[in-house]
Amino acid sequence: SGVDLPGGRRIRKGASDRVTRDARDLGQPIP
């Protein structure tokens, strides 16, 4: 779940596998 803020900012929280997959889809590295 999460929130989409004005200006396109996108915050998400949730299960680790699902959120990390979402981060990869957005091209972000996994620490």
PDB file of all heavy atoms in Angstrom:
ATOM      1  N   SER A   1       0.862  -1.180   0.000  1.00  0.00           N
ATOM      2  CA  SER A   1       0.000   0.000   0.000  1.00  0.00           C
ATOM      3  C   SER A   1       0.897   1.229   0.000  1.00  0.00           C
ATOM      4  O   SER A   1       2.123   1.112   0.030  1.00  0.00           O
ATOM      5  CB  SER A   1      -0.918   0.000   1.232  1.00  0.00           C
ATOM      6  OG  SER A   1      -0.146   0.033   2.423  1.00  0.00           O
ATOM      7  N   GLY A   2       0.288   2.397  -0.015  1.00  0.00           N
ATOM      8  CA  GLY A   2       1.113   3.598   0.006  1.00  0.00           C
ATOM      9  C   GLY A   2       0.344   4.835  -0.390  1.00  0.00           C
ATOM     10  O   GLY A   2      -0.880   4.913  -0.211  1.00  0.00           O
ATOM     11  N   VAL A   3       1.058   5.806  -0.958  1.00  0.00           N
ATOM     12  CA  VAL A   3       0.447   7.080  -1.299  1.00  0.00           C
ATOM     13  C   VAL A   3       1.169   7.674  -2.513  1.00  0.00           C
ATOM     14  O   VAL A   3       2.393   7.532  -2.664  1.00  0.00           O
ATOM     15  CB  VAL A   3       0.514   8.056  -0.096  1.00  0.00           C
ATOM     16  CG1 VAL A   3       1.948   8.355   0.296  1.00  0.00           C
ATOM     17  CG2 VAL A   3      -0.254   9.337  -0.395  1.00  0.00           C
ATOM     18  N   ASP A   4       0.387   8.272  -3.402  1.00  0.00           N
ATOM     19  CA  ASP A   4       0.938   9.019  -4.527  1.00  0.00           C
ATOM     20  C   ASP A   4       0.742  10.504  -4.236  1.00  0.00           C
ATOM     21  O   ASP A   4      -0.397  10.993  -4.170  1.00  0.00           O
ATOM     22  CB  ASP A   4       0.231   8.635  -5.836  1.00  0.00           C
ATOM     23  CG  ASP A   4       0.539   7.213  -6.254  1.00  0.00           C
ATOM     24  OD1 ASP A   4       1.630   6.716  -5.905  1.00  0.00           O
ATOM     25  OD2 ASP A   4      -0.321   6.582  -6.915  1.00  0.00           O
ATOM     26  N   LEU A   5       1.849  11.230  -4.074  1.00  0.00           N
ATOM     27  CA  LEU A   5       1.801  12.642  -3.705  1.00  0.00           C
ATOM     28  C   LEU A   5       1.861  13.519  -4.950  1.00  0.00           C
ATOM     29  O   LEU A   5       2.333  13.090  -6.017  1.00  0.00           O
ATOM     30  CB  LEU A   5       2.966  12.972  -2.772  1.00  0.00           C
ATOM     31  CG  LEU A   5       2.989  12.208  -1.437  1.00  0.00           C
ATOM     32  CD1 LEU A   5       4.280  12.506  -0.690  1.00  0.00           C
ATOM     33  CD2 LEU A   5       1.778  12.576  -0.592  1.00  0.00           C
ATOM     34  N   PRO A   6       1.392  14.750  -4.836  1.00  0.00           N
ATOM     35  CA  PRO A   6       1.482  15.677  -5.974  1.00  0.00           C
ATOM     36  C   PRO A   6       2.928  15.802  -6.441  1.00  0.00           C
ATOM     37  O   PRO A   6       3.867  15.767  -5.640  1.00  0.00           O
ATOM     38  CB  PRO A   6       0.955  16.994  -5.399  1.00  0.00           C
ATOM     39  CG  PRO A   6       0.060  16.577  -4.272  1.00  0.00           C
ATOM     40  CD  PRO A   6       0.703  15.356  -3.677  1.00  0.00           C
ATOM     41  N   GLY A   7       3.100  15.954  -7.738  1.00  0.00           N
ATOM     42  CA  GLY A   7       4.449  16.053  -8.288  1.00  0.00           C
ATOM     43  C   GLY A   7       5.006  14.717  -8.712  1.00  0.00           C
ATOM     44  O   GLY A   7       6.166  14.624  -9.137  1.00  0.00           O
ATOM     45  N   GLY A   8       4.210  13.653  -8.549  1.00  0.00           N
ATOM     46  CA  GLY A   8       4.640  12.335  -8.998  1.00  0.00           C
ATOM     47  C   GLY A   8       5.396  11.524  -7.972  1.00  0.00           C
ATOM     48  O   GLY A   8       5.868  10.423  -8.270  1.00  0.00           O
ATOM     49  N   ARG A   9       5.554  12.037  -6.750  1.00  0.00           N
ATOM     50  CA  ARG A   9       6.270  11.284  -5.722  1.00  0.00           C
ATOM     51  C   ARG A   9       5.440  10.064  -5.321  1.00  0.00           C
ATOM     52  O   ARG A   9       4.239  10.179  -5.060  1.00  0.00           O
ATOM     53  CB  ARG A   9       6.539  12.171  -4.508  1.00  0.00           C
ATOM     54  CG  ARG A   9       7.401  11.503  -3.452  1.00  0.00           C
ATOM     55  CD  ARG A   9       7.598  12.421  -2.265  1.00  0.00           C
ATOM     56  NE  ARG A   9       8.365  11.780  -1.206  1.00  0.00           N
ATOM     57  CZ  ARG A   9       8.516  12.285   0.023  1.00  0.00           C
ATOM     58  NH1 ARG A   9       7.943  13.462   0.320  1.00  0.00           N
ATOM     59  NH2 ARG A   9       9.219  11.634   0.924  1.00  0.00           N
ATOM     60  N   ARG A  10       6.111   8.929  -5.216  1.00  0.00           N
ATOM     61  CA  ARG A  10       5.421   7.646  -5.033  1.00  0.00           C
ATOM     62  C   ARG A  10       6.058   6.895  -3.862  1.00  0.00           C
ATOM     63  O   ARG A  10       7.220   6.474  -3.935  1.00  0.00           O
ATOM     64  CB  ARG A  10       5.549   6.839  -6.322  1.00  0.00           C
ATOM     65  CG  ARG A  10       4.851   5.507  -6.377  1.00  0.00           C
ATOM     66  CD  ARG A  10       5.034   4.949  -7.805  1.00  0.00           C
ATOM     67  NE  ARG A  10       4.390   3.659  -7.975  1.00  0.00           N
ATOM     68  CZ  ARG A  10       4.937   2.491  -7.658  1.00  0.00           C
ATOM     69  NH1 ARG A  10       6.148   2.467  -7.116  1.00  0.00           N
ATOM     70  NH2 ARG A  10       4.291   1.366  -7.878  1.00  0.00           N
ATOM     71  N   ILE A  11       5.267   6.708  -2.769  1.00  0.00           N
ATOM     72  CA  ILE A  11       5.772   6.005  -1.584  1.00  0.00           C
ATOM     73  C   ILE A  11       4.991   4.699  -1.431  1.00  0.00           C
ATOM     74  O   ILE A  11       3.766   4.683  -1.528  1.00  0.00           O
ATOM     75  CB  ILE A  11       5.623   6.867  -0.312  1.00  0.00           C
ATOM     76  CG1 ILE A  11       6.399   8.177  -0.470  1.00  0.00           C
ATOM     77  CG2 ILE A  11       6.101   6.105   0.913  1.00  0.00           C
ATOM     78  CD1 ILE A  11       6.209   9.137   0.695  1.00  0.00           C
ATOM     79  N   ARG A  12       5.744   3.624  -1.183  1.00  0.00           N
ATOM     80  CA  ARG A  12       5.112   2.316  -1.003  1.00  0.00           C
ATOM     81  C   ARG A  12       5.699   1.602   0.211  1.00  0.00           C
ATOM     82  O   ARG A  12       6.877   1.776   0.550  1.00  0.00           O
ATOM     83  CB  ARG A  12       5.317   1.428  -2.239  1.00  0.00           C
ATOM     84  CG  ARG A  12       4.624   1.942  -3.501  1.00  0.00           C
ATOM     85  CD  ARG A  12       3.109   1.820  -3.391  1.00  0.00           C
ATOM     86  NE  ARG A  12       2.464   2.207  -4.639  1.00  0.00           N
ATOM     87  CZ  ARG A  12       2.077   3.451  -4.939  1.00  0.00           C
ATOM     88  NH1 ARG A  12       2.320   4.433  -4.062  1.00  0.00           N
ATOM     89  NH2 ARG A  12       1.486   3.719  -6.082  1.00  0.00           N
ATOM     90  N   LYS A  13       4.862   0.791   0.844  1.00  0.00           N
ATOM     91  CA  LYS A  13       5.312  -0.101   1.917  1.00  0.00           C
ATOM     92  C   LYS A  13       4.574  -1.416   1.755  1.00  0.00           C
ATOM     93  O   LYS A  13       3.420  -1.457   1.318  1.00  0.00           O
ATOM     94  CB  LYS A  13       5.046   0.486   3.308  1.00  0.00           C
ATOM     95  CG  LYS A  13       3.573   0.669   3.653  1.00  0.00           C
ATOM     96  CD  LYS A  13       3.424   1.195   5.065  1.00  0.00           C
ATOM     97  CE  LYS A  13       1.966   1.542   5.393  1.00  0.00           C
ATOM     98  NZ  LYS A  13       1.047   0.411   5.381  1.00  0.00           N
ATOM     99  N   GLY A  14       5.262  -2.518   2.091  1.00  0.00           N
ATOM    100  CA  GLY A  14       4.605  -3.809   1.959  1.00  0.00           C
ATOM    101  C   GLY A  14       5.573  -4.963   2.076  1.00  0.00           C
ATOM    102  O   GLY A  14       6.696  -4.816   2.588  1.00  0.00           O
ATOM    103  N   ALA A  15       5.138  -6.138   1.606  1.00  0.00           N
ATOM    104  CA  ALA A  15       5.951  -7.344   1.682  1.00  0.00           C
ATOM    105  C   ALA A  15       7.272  -7.131   0.947  1.00  0.00           C
ATOM    106  O   ALA A  15       7.307  -6.524  -0.126  1.00  0.00           O
ATOM    107  CB  ALA A  15       5.190  -8.523   1.087  1.00  0.00           C
ATOM    108  N   SER A  16       8.348  -7.670   1.516  1.00  0.00           N
ATOM    109  CA  SER A  16       9.685  -7.370   0.997  1.00  0.00           C
ATOM    110  C   SER A  16       9.854  -7.801  -0.452  1.00  0.00           C
ATOM    111  O   SER A  16      10.407  -7.039  -1.264  1.00  0.00           O
ATOM    112  CB  SER A  16      10.746  -8.049   1.870  1.00  0.00           C
ATOM    113  OG  SER A  16      10.561  -9.463   1.864  1.00  0.00           O
ATOM    114  N   ASP A  17       9.395  -9.005  -0.818  1.00  0.00           N
ATOM    115  CA  ASP A  17       9.609  -9.468  -2.184  1.00  0.00           C
ATOM    116  C   ASP A  17       8.841  -8.617  -3.183  1.00  0.00           C
ATOM    117  O   ASP A  17       9.326  -8.303  -4.266  1.00  0.00           O
ATOM    118  CB  ASP A  17       9.217 -10.942  -2.321  1.00  0.00           C
ATOM    119  CG  ASP A  17       7.743 -11.183  -2.051  1.00  0.00           C
ATOM    120  OD1 ASP A  17       7.181 -10.499  -1.164  1.00  0.00           O
ATOM    121  OD2 ASP A  17       7.139 -12.039  -2.723  1.00  0.00           O
ATOM    122  N   ARG A  18       7.617  -8.212  -2.807  1.00  0.00           N
ATOM    123  CA  ARG A  18       6.788  -7.443  -3.732  1.00  0.00           C
ATOM    124  C   ARG A  18       7.310  -6.017  -3.899  1.00  0.00           C
ATOM    125  O   ARG A  18       7.350  -5.478  -5.015  1.00  0.00           O
ATOM    126  CB  ARG A  18       5.343  -7.426  -3.232  1.00  0.00           C
ATOM    127  CG  ARG A  18       4.372  -6.766  -4.195  1.00  0.00           C
ATOM    128  CD  ARG A  18       4.299  -7.524  -5.512  1.00  0.00           C
ATOM    129  NE  ARG A  18       3.508  -6.824  -6.520  1.00  0.00           N
ATOM    130  CZ  ARG A  18       3.985  -5.871  -7.321  1.00  0.00           C
ATOM    131  NH1 ARG A  18       5.259  -5.485  -7.214  1.00  0.00           N
ATOM    132  NH2 ARG A  18       3.207  -5.308  -8.226  1.00  0.00           N
ATOM    133  N   VAL A  19       7.725  -5.402  -2.790  1.00  0.00           N
ATOM    134  CA  VAL A  19       8.194  -4.013  -2.859  1.00  0.00           C
ATOM    135  C   VAL A  19       9.548  -3.938  -3.567  1.00  0.00           C
ATOM    136  O   VAL A  19       9.801  -3.015  -4.355  1.00  0.00           O
ATOM    137  CB  VAL A  19       8.269  -3.397  -1.449  1.00  0.00           C
ATOM    138  CG1 VAL A  19       8.851  -1.994  -1.500  1.00  0.00           C
ATOM    139  CG2 VAL A  19       6.882  -3.350  -0.814  1.00  0.00           C
ATOM    140  N   THR A  20      10.422  -4.897  -3.300  1.00  0.00           N
ATOM    141  CA  THR A  20      11.723  -4.877  -3.989  1.00  0.00           C
ATOM    142  C   THR A  20      11.546  -5.134  -5.484  1.00  0.00           C
ATOM    143  O   THR A  20      12.290  -4.575  -6.310  1.00  0.00           O
ATOM    144  CB  THR A  20      12.673  -5.922  -3.389  1.00  0.00           C
ATOM    145  OG1 THR A  20      12.031  -7.212  -3.372  1.00  0.00           O
ATOM    146  CG2 THR A  20      13.067  -5.549  -1.971  1.00  0.00           C
ATOM    147  N   ARG A  21      10.583  -5.989  -5.855  1.00  0.00           N
ATOM    148  CA  ARG A  21      10.314  -6.203  -7.276  1.00  0.00           C
ATOM    149  C   ARG A  21       9.832  -4.907  -7.922  1.00  0.00           C
ATOM    150  O   ARG A  21      10.211  -4.564  -9.044  1.00  0.00           O
ATOM    151  CB  ARG A  21       9.267  -7.300  -7.449  1.00  0.00           C
ATOM    152  CG  ARG A  21       9.078  -7.743  -8.911  1.00  0.00           C
ATOM    153  CD  ARG A  21       7.930  -8.713  -9.058  1.00  0.00           C
ATOM    154  NE  ARG A  21       7.953  -9.697  -7.993  1.00  0.00           N
ATOM    155  CZ  ARG A  21       6.870 -10.166  -7.396  1.00  0.00           C
ATOM    156  NH1 ARG A  21       5.676  -9.692  -7.738  1.00  0.00           N
ATOM    157  NH2 ARG A  21       6.965 -11.074  -6.459  1.00  0.00           N
ATOM    158  N   ASP A  22       8.992  -4.173  -7.165  1.00  0.00           N
ATOM    159  CA  ASP A  22       8.497  -2.893  -7.672  1.00  0.00           C
ATOM    160  C   ASP A  22       9.651  -1.910  -7.844  1.00  0.00           C
ATOM    161  O   ASP A  22       9.700  -1.158  -8.829  1.00  0.00           O
ATOM    162  CB  ASP A  22       7.457  -2.338  -6.691  1.00  0.00           C
ATOM    163  CG  ASP A  22       6.873  -1.016  -7.155  1.00  0.00           C
ATOM    164  OD1 ASP A  22       6.164  -1.015  -8.177  1.00  0.00           O
ATOM    165  OD2 ASP A  22       7.122   0.008  -6.490  1.00  0.00           O
ATOM    166  N   ALA A  23      10.614  -1.926  -6.903  1.00  0.00           N
ATOM    167  CA  ALA A  23      11.777  -1.033  -7.003  1.00  0.00           C
ATOM    168  C   ALA A  23      12.613  -1.375  -8.231  1.00  0.00           C
ATOM    169  O   ALA A  23      13.086  -0.481  -8.958  1.00  0.00           O
ATOM    170  CB  ALA A  23      12.622  -1.137  -5.738  1.00  0.00           C
ATOM    171  N   ARG A  24      12.796  -2.658  -8.486  1.00  0.00           N
ATOM    172  CA  ARG A  24      13.572  -3.070  -9.669  1.00  0.00           C
ATOM    173  C   ARG A  24      12.861  -2.642 -10.949  1.00  0.00           C
ATOM    174  O   ARG A  24      13.503  -2.225 -11.921  1.00  0.00           O
ATOM    175  CB  ARG A  24      13.759  -4.587  -9.657  1.00  0.00           C
ATOM    176  CG  ARG A  24      14.739  -5.093  -8.598  1.00  0.00           C
ATOM    177  CD  ARG A  24      15.111  -6.542  -8.851  1.00  0.00           C
ATOM    178  NE  ARG A  24      15.970  -7.073  -7.794  1.00  0.00           N
ATOM    179  CZ  ARG A  24      15.544  -7.773  -6.762  1.00  0.00           C
ATOM    180  NH1 ARG A  24      14.237  -8.025  -6.637  1.00  0.00           N
ATOM    181  NH2 ARG A  24      16.374  -8.217  -5.856  1.00  0.00           N
ATOM    182  N   ASP A  25      11.526  -2.780 -10.945  1.00  0.00           N
ATOM    183  CA  ASP A  25      10.771  -2.372 -12.130  1.00  0.00           C
ATOM    184  C   ASP A  25      10.954  -0.888 -12.425  1.00  0.00           C
ATOM    185  O   ASP A  25      10.849  -0.455 -13.583  1.00  0.00           O
ATOM    186  CB  ASP A  25       9.278  -2.685 -11.946  1.00  0.00           C
ATOM    187  CG  ASP A  25       8.993  -4.174 -11.938  1.00  0.00           C
ATOM    188  OD1 ASP A  25       9.867  -4.948 -12.388  1.00  0.00           O
ATOM    189  OD2 ASP A  25       7.910  -4.574 -11.464  1.00  0.00           O
ATOM    190  N   LEU A  26      11.230  -0.099 -11.372  1.00  0.00           N
ATOM    191  CA  LEU A  26      11.438   1.340 -11.540  1.00  0.00           C
ATOM    192  C   LEU A  26      12.908   1.670 -11.790  1.00  0.00           C
ATOM    193  O   LEU A  26      13.286   2.849 -11.823  1.00  0.00           O
ATOM    194  CB  LEU A  26      10.929   2.094 -10.307  1.00  0.00           C
ATOM    195  CG  LEU A  26       9.408   2.038 -10.070  1.00  0.00           C
ATOM    196  CD1 LEU A  26       9.051   2.704  -8.747  1.00  0.00           C
ATOM    197  CD2 LEU A  26       8.665   2.717 -11.219  1.00  0.00           C
ATOM    198  N   GLY A  27      13.724   0.607 -11.890  1.00  0.00           N
ATOM    199  CA  GLY A  27      15.136   0.810 -12.208  1.00  0.00           C
ATOM    200  C   GLY A  27      16.007   1.182 -11.031  1.00  0.00           C
ATOM    201  O   GLY A  27      17.119   1.692 -11.223  1.00  0.00           O
ATOM    202  N   GLN A  28      15.557   0.945  -9.825  1.00  0.00           N
ATOM    203  CA  GLN A  28      16.320   1.311  -8.637  1.00  0.00           C
ATOM    204  C   GLN A  28      17.104   0.097  -8.116  1.00  0.00           C
ATOM    205  O   GLN A  28      16.623  -1.037  -8.167  1.00  0.00           O
ATOM    206  CB  GLN A  28      15.377   1.809  -7.537  1.00  0.00           C
ATOM    207  CG  GLN A  28      14.677   3.105  -7.853  1.00  0.00           C
ATOM    208  CD  GLN A  28      15.612   4.300  -7.809  1.00  0.00           C
ATOM    209  OE1 GLN A  28      16.745   4.218  -7.335  1.00  0.00           O
ATOM    210  NE2 GLN A  28      15.149   5.434  -8.336  1.00  0.00           N
ATOM    211  N   PRO A  29      18.312   0.327  -7.597  1.00  0.00           N
ATOM    212  CA  PRO A  29      19.108  -0.784  -7.044  1.00  0.00           C
ATOM    213  C   PRO A  29      18.573  -1.204  -5.674  1.00  0.00           C
ATOM    214  O   PRO A  29      17.933  -0.423  -4.974  1.00  0.00           O
ATOM    215  CB  PRO A  29      20.509  -0.186  -6.932  1.00  0.00           C
ATOM    216  CG  PRO A  29      20.250   1.281  -6.706  1.00  0.00           C
ATOM    217  CD  PRO A  29      19.046   1.620  -7.543  1.00  0.00           C
ATOM    218  N   ILE A  30      18.872  -2.430  -5.310  1.00  0.00           N
ATOM    219  CA  ILE A  30      18.463  -2.955  -4.002  1.00  0.00           C
ATOM    220  C   ILE A  30      19.676  -2.919  -3.089  1.00  0.00           C
ATOM    221  O   ILE A  30      20.707  -3.553  -3.373  1.00  0.00           O
ATOM    222  CB  ILE A  30      17.928  -4.392  -4.130  1.00  0.00           C
ATOM    223  CG1 ILE A  30      16.805  -4.462  -5.161  1.00  0.00           C
ATOM    224  CG2 ILE A  30      17.438  -4.894  -2.770  1.00  0.00           C
ATOM    225  CD1 ILE A  30      15.627  -3.566  -4.884  1.00  0.00           C
ATOM    226  N   PRO A  31      19.603  -2.175  -1.963  1.00  0.00           N
ATOM    227  CA  PRO A  31      20.754  -2.080  -1.055  1.00  0.00           C
ATOM    228  C   PRO A  31      21.214  -3.447  -0.573  1.00  0.00           C
ATOM    229  O   PRO A  31      20.401  -4.334  -0.308  1.00  0.00           O
ATOM    230  CB  PRO A  31      20.222  -1.227   0.105  1.00  0.00           C
ATOM    231  CG  PRO A  31      19.085  -0.453  -0.493  1.00  0.00           C
ATOM    232  CD  PRO A  31      18.477  -1.347  -1.512  1.00  0.00           C
TER     233      PRO A  31
END
